[in-house]
Amino acid sequence: MPRDSPLAKVQVGMGMKEVTDLIGPPTDSNRYITGKAFIPYYFGDDRARVEWHYKGIGRITFSAGGAFGQRASVQWVEYDPNEIGYVR
């Protein structure tokens, strides 16, 4: 990832508000559940994920959705200059 990319500022563990304040809002977003949502009596985090798309920049994926409302945090950042910016 180029050092001058806005995504280079984003670090694993940052919250959604922190990322928005740092690089701005996404072009589009997508929320989906993970397999952990189907485990009986699983009360940990990462039951859902939120994926933010930034046109011409890439994607940021947050782990979100725990049983007790844990804060969403960055899980990984994907630099992709060909990102169209919208969920397909």
C-alpha atoms as a PDB file:
ATOM      1  CA  MET A   1       0.000   0.000   0.000  1.00  0.00           C
ATOM      2  CA  PRO A   2       1.418   3.404  -0.933  1.00  0.00           C
ATOM      3  CA  ARG A   3       2.346   5.632   1.996  1.00  0.00           C
ATOM      4  CA  ASP A   4       0.323   8.515   0.555  1.00  0.00           C
ATOM      5  CA  SER A   5      -2.890   6.436   0.461  1.00  0.00           C
ATOM      6  CA  PRO A   6      -5.527   7.494   3.014  1.00  0.00           C
ATOM      7  CA  LEU A   7      -5.805   3.823   3.993  1.00  0.00           C
ATOM      8  CA  ALA A   8      -2.172   3.858   5.168  1.00  0.00           C
ATOM      9  CA  LYS A   9      -3.358   5.924   8.153  1.00  0.00           C
ATOM     10  CA  VAL A  10      -5.853   3.251   9.262  1.00  0.00           C
ATOM     11  CA  GLN A  11      -4.660   0.688  11.805  1.00  0.00           C
ATOM     12  CA  VAL A  12      -6.138  -2.582  13.039  1.00  0.00           C
ATOM     13  CA  GLY A  13      -8.197  -1.986  16.175  1.00  0.00           C
ATOM     14  CA  MET A  14      -9.433   1.518  15.315  1.00  0.00           C
ATOM     15  CA  GLY A  15     -13.139   2.221  15.782  1.00  0.00           C
ATOM     16  CA  MET A  16     -15.562   3.387  13.092  1.00  0.00           C
ATOM     17  CA  LYS A  17     -15.760   6.961  14.361  1.00  0.00           C
ATOM     18  CA  GLU A  18     -11.975   7.187  14.513  1.00  0.00           C
ATOM     19  CA  VAL A  19     -11.666   5.992  10.894  1.00  0.00           C
ATOM     20  CA  THR A  20     -14.382   8.390   9.701  1.00  0.00           C
ATOM     21  CA  ASP A  21     -12.676  11.316  11.454  1.00  0.00           C
ATOM     22  CA  LEU A  22      -9.348  10.292   9.925  1.00  0.00           C
ATOM     23  CA  ILE A  23     -10.216   9.605   6.269  1.00  0.00           C
ATOM     24  CA  GLY A  24     -13.896  10.505   5.840  1.00  0.00           C
ATOM     25  CA  PRO A  25     -17.040   8.489   5.206  1.00  0.00           C
ATOM     26  CA  PRO A  26     -17.099   5.518   2.819  1.00  0.00           C
ATOM     27  CA  THR A  27     -18.648   5.627  -0.642  1.00  0.00           C
ATOM     28  CA  ASP A  28     -20.780   2.596   0.284  1.00  0.00           C
ATOM     29  CA  SER A  29     -20.993  -0.057   3.003  1.00  0.00           C
ATOM     30  CA  ASN A  30     -22.171  -3.591   3.534  1.00  0.00           C
ATOM     31  CA  ARG A  31     -23.024  -5.513   6.709  1.00  0.00           C
ATOM     32  CA  TYR A  32     -23.112  -9.299   6.939  1.00  0.00           C
ATOM     33  CA  ILE A  33     -23.100 -11.996   9.603  1.00  0.00           C
ATOM     34  CA  THR A  34     -20.335 -14.538  10.083  1.00  0.00           C
ATOM     35  CA  GLY A  35     -20.571 -18.222  10.951  1.00  0.00           C
ATOM     36  CA  LYS A  36     -20.052 -17.339  14.617  1.00  0.00           C
ATOM     37  CA  ALA A  37     -23.602 -15.962  14.679  1.00  0.00           C
ATOM     38  CA  PHE A  38     -24.877 -19.554  14.421  1.00  0.00           C
ATOM     39  CA  ILE A  39     -22.866 -21.006  17.298  1.00  0.00           C
ATOM     40  CA  PRO A  40     -25.240 -21.665  20.218  1.00  0.00           C
ATOM     41  CA  TYR A  41     -24.307 -19.762  23.378  1.00  0.00           C
ATOM     42  CA  TYR A  42     -21.466 -17.900  21.648  1.00  0.00           C
ATOM     43  CA  PHE A  43     -21.353 -14.465  23.252  1.00  0.00           C
ATOM     44  CA  GLY A  44     -18.069 -13.190  21.817  1.00  0.00           C
ATOM     45  CA  ASP A  45     -17.518 -10.579  19.164  1.00  0.00           C
ATOM     46  CA  ASP A  46     -17.142 -10.983  15.388  1.00  0.00           C
ATOM     47  CA  ARG A  47     -20.685 -12.252  14.938  1.00  0.00           C
ATOM     48  CA  ALA A  48     -21.058  -9.701  12.153  1.00  0.00           C
ATOM     49  CA  ARG A  49     -18.806  -7.617   9.947  1.00  0.00           C
ATOM     50  CA  VAL A  50     -19.120  -4.243   8.293  1.00  0.00           C
ATOM     51  CA  GLU A  51     -17.251  -3.582   5.074  1.00  0.00           C
ATOM     52  CA  TRP A  52     -16.627   0.000   3.953  1.00  0.00           C
ATOM     53  CA  HIS A  53     -15.863   0.676   0.285  1.00  0.00           C
ATOM     54  CA  TYR A  54     -13.870   3.744  -0.784  1.00  0.00           C
ATOM     55  CA  LYS A  55     -13.963   4.433  -4.523  1.00  0.00           C
ATOM     56  CA  GLY A  56     -10.496   4.243  -6.083  1.00  0.00           C
ATOM     57  CA  ILE A  57      -8.883   3.495  -2.726  1.00  0.00           C
ATOM     58  CA  GLY A  58      -9.992   0.128  -1.305  1.00  0.00           C
ATOM     59  CA  ARG A  59     -11.937  -1.467   1.534  1.00  0.00           C
ATOM     60  CA  ILE A  60     -11.907  -1.526   5.322  1.00  0.00           C
ATOM     61  CA  THR A  61     -13.488  -4.448   7.175  1.00  0.00           C
ATOM     62  CA  PHE A  62     -14.692  -4.051  10.751  1.00  0.00           C
ATOM     63  CA  SER A  63     -15.558  -6.791  13.193  1.00  0.00           C
ATOM     64  CA  ALA A  64     -18.920  -5.816  14.641  1.00  0.00           C
ATOM     65  CA  GLY A  65     -21.770  -7.316  16.512  1.00  0.00           C
ATOM     66  CA  GLY A  66     -21.130  -9.078  19.742  1.00  0.00           C
ATOM     67  CA  ALA A  67     -23.789 -10.383  22.066  1.00  0.00           C
ATOM     68  CA  PHE A  68     -23.266  -7.460  24.411  1.00  0.00           C
ATOM     69  CA  GLY A  69     -22.755  -4.674  21.890  1.00  0.00           C
ATOM     70  CA  GLN A  70     -18.980  -4.625  21.622  1.00  0.00           C
ATOM     71  CA  ARG A  71     -17.548  -1.727  19.676  1.00  0.00           C
ATOM     72  CA  ALA A  72     -16.763  -2.334  16.008  1.00  0.00           C
ATOM     73  CA  SER A  73     -13.053  -2.297  15.238  1.00  0.00           C
ATOM     74  CA  VAL A  74     -10.892  -2.550  12.122  1.00  0.00           C
ATOM     75  CA  GLN A  75      -9.959  -6.144  11.304  1.00  0.00           C
ATOM     76  CA  TRP A  76      -8.167  -5.548   8.020  1.00  0.00           C
ATOM     77  CA  VAL A  77      -7.524  -2.948   5.353  1.00  0.00           C
ATOM     78  CA  GLU A  78      -7.360  -3.772   1.636  1.00  0.00           C
ATOM     79  CA  TYR A  79      -5.746  -1.301  -0.746  1.00  0.00           C
ATOM     80  CA  ASP A  80      -7.312  -1.573  -4.209  1.00  0.00           C
ATOM     81  CA  PRO A  81      -7.012   1.343  -6.650  1.00  0.00           C
ATOM     82  CA  ASN A  82      -9.594  -0.424  -8.865  1.00  0.00           C
ATOM     83  CA  GLU A  83     -12.287  -0.407  -6.142  1.00  0.00           C
ATOM     84  CA  ILE A  84     -15.543   0.787  -7.713  1.00  0.00           C
ATOM     85  CA  GLY A  85     -16.789   2.087  -4.371  1.00  0.00           C
ATOM     86  CA  TYR A  86     -20.102   0.256  -4.305  1.00  0.00           C
ATOM     87  CA  VAL A  87     -21.298  -3.071  -2.958  1.00  0.00           C
ATOM     88  CA  ARG A  88     -22.089  -5.587  -5.659  1.00  0.00           C
END
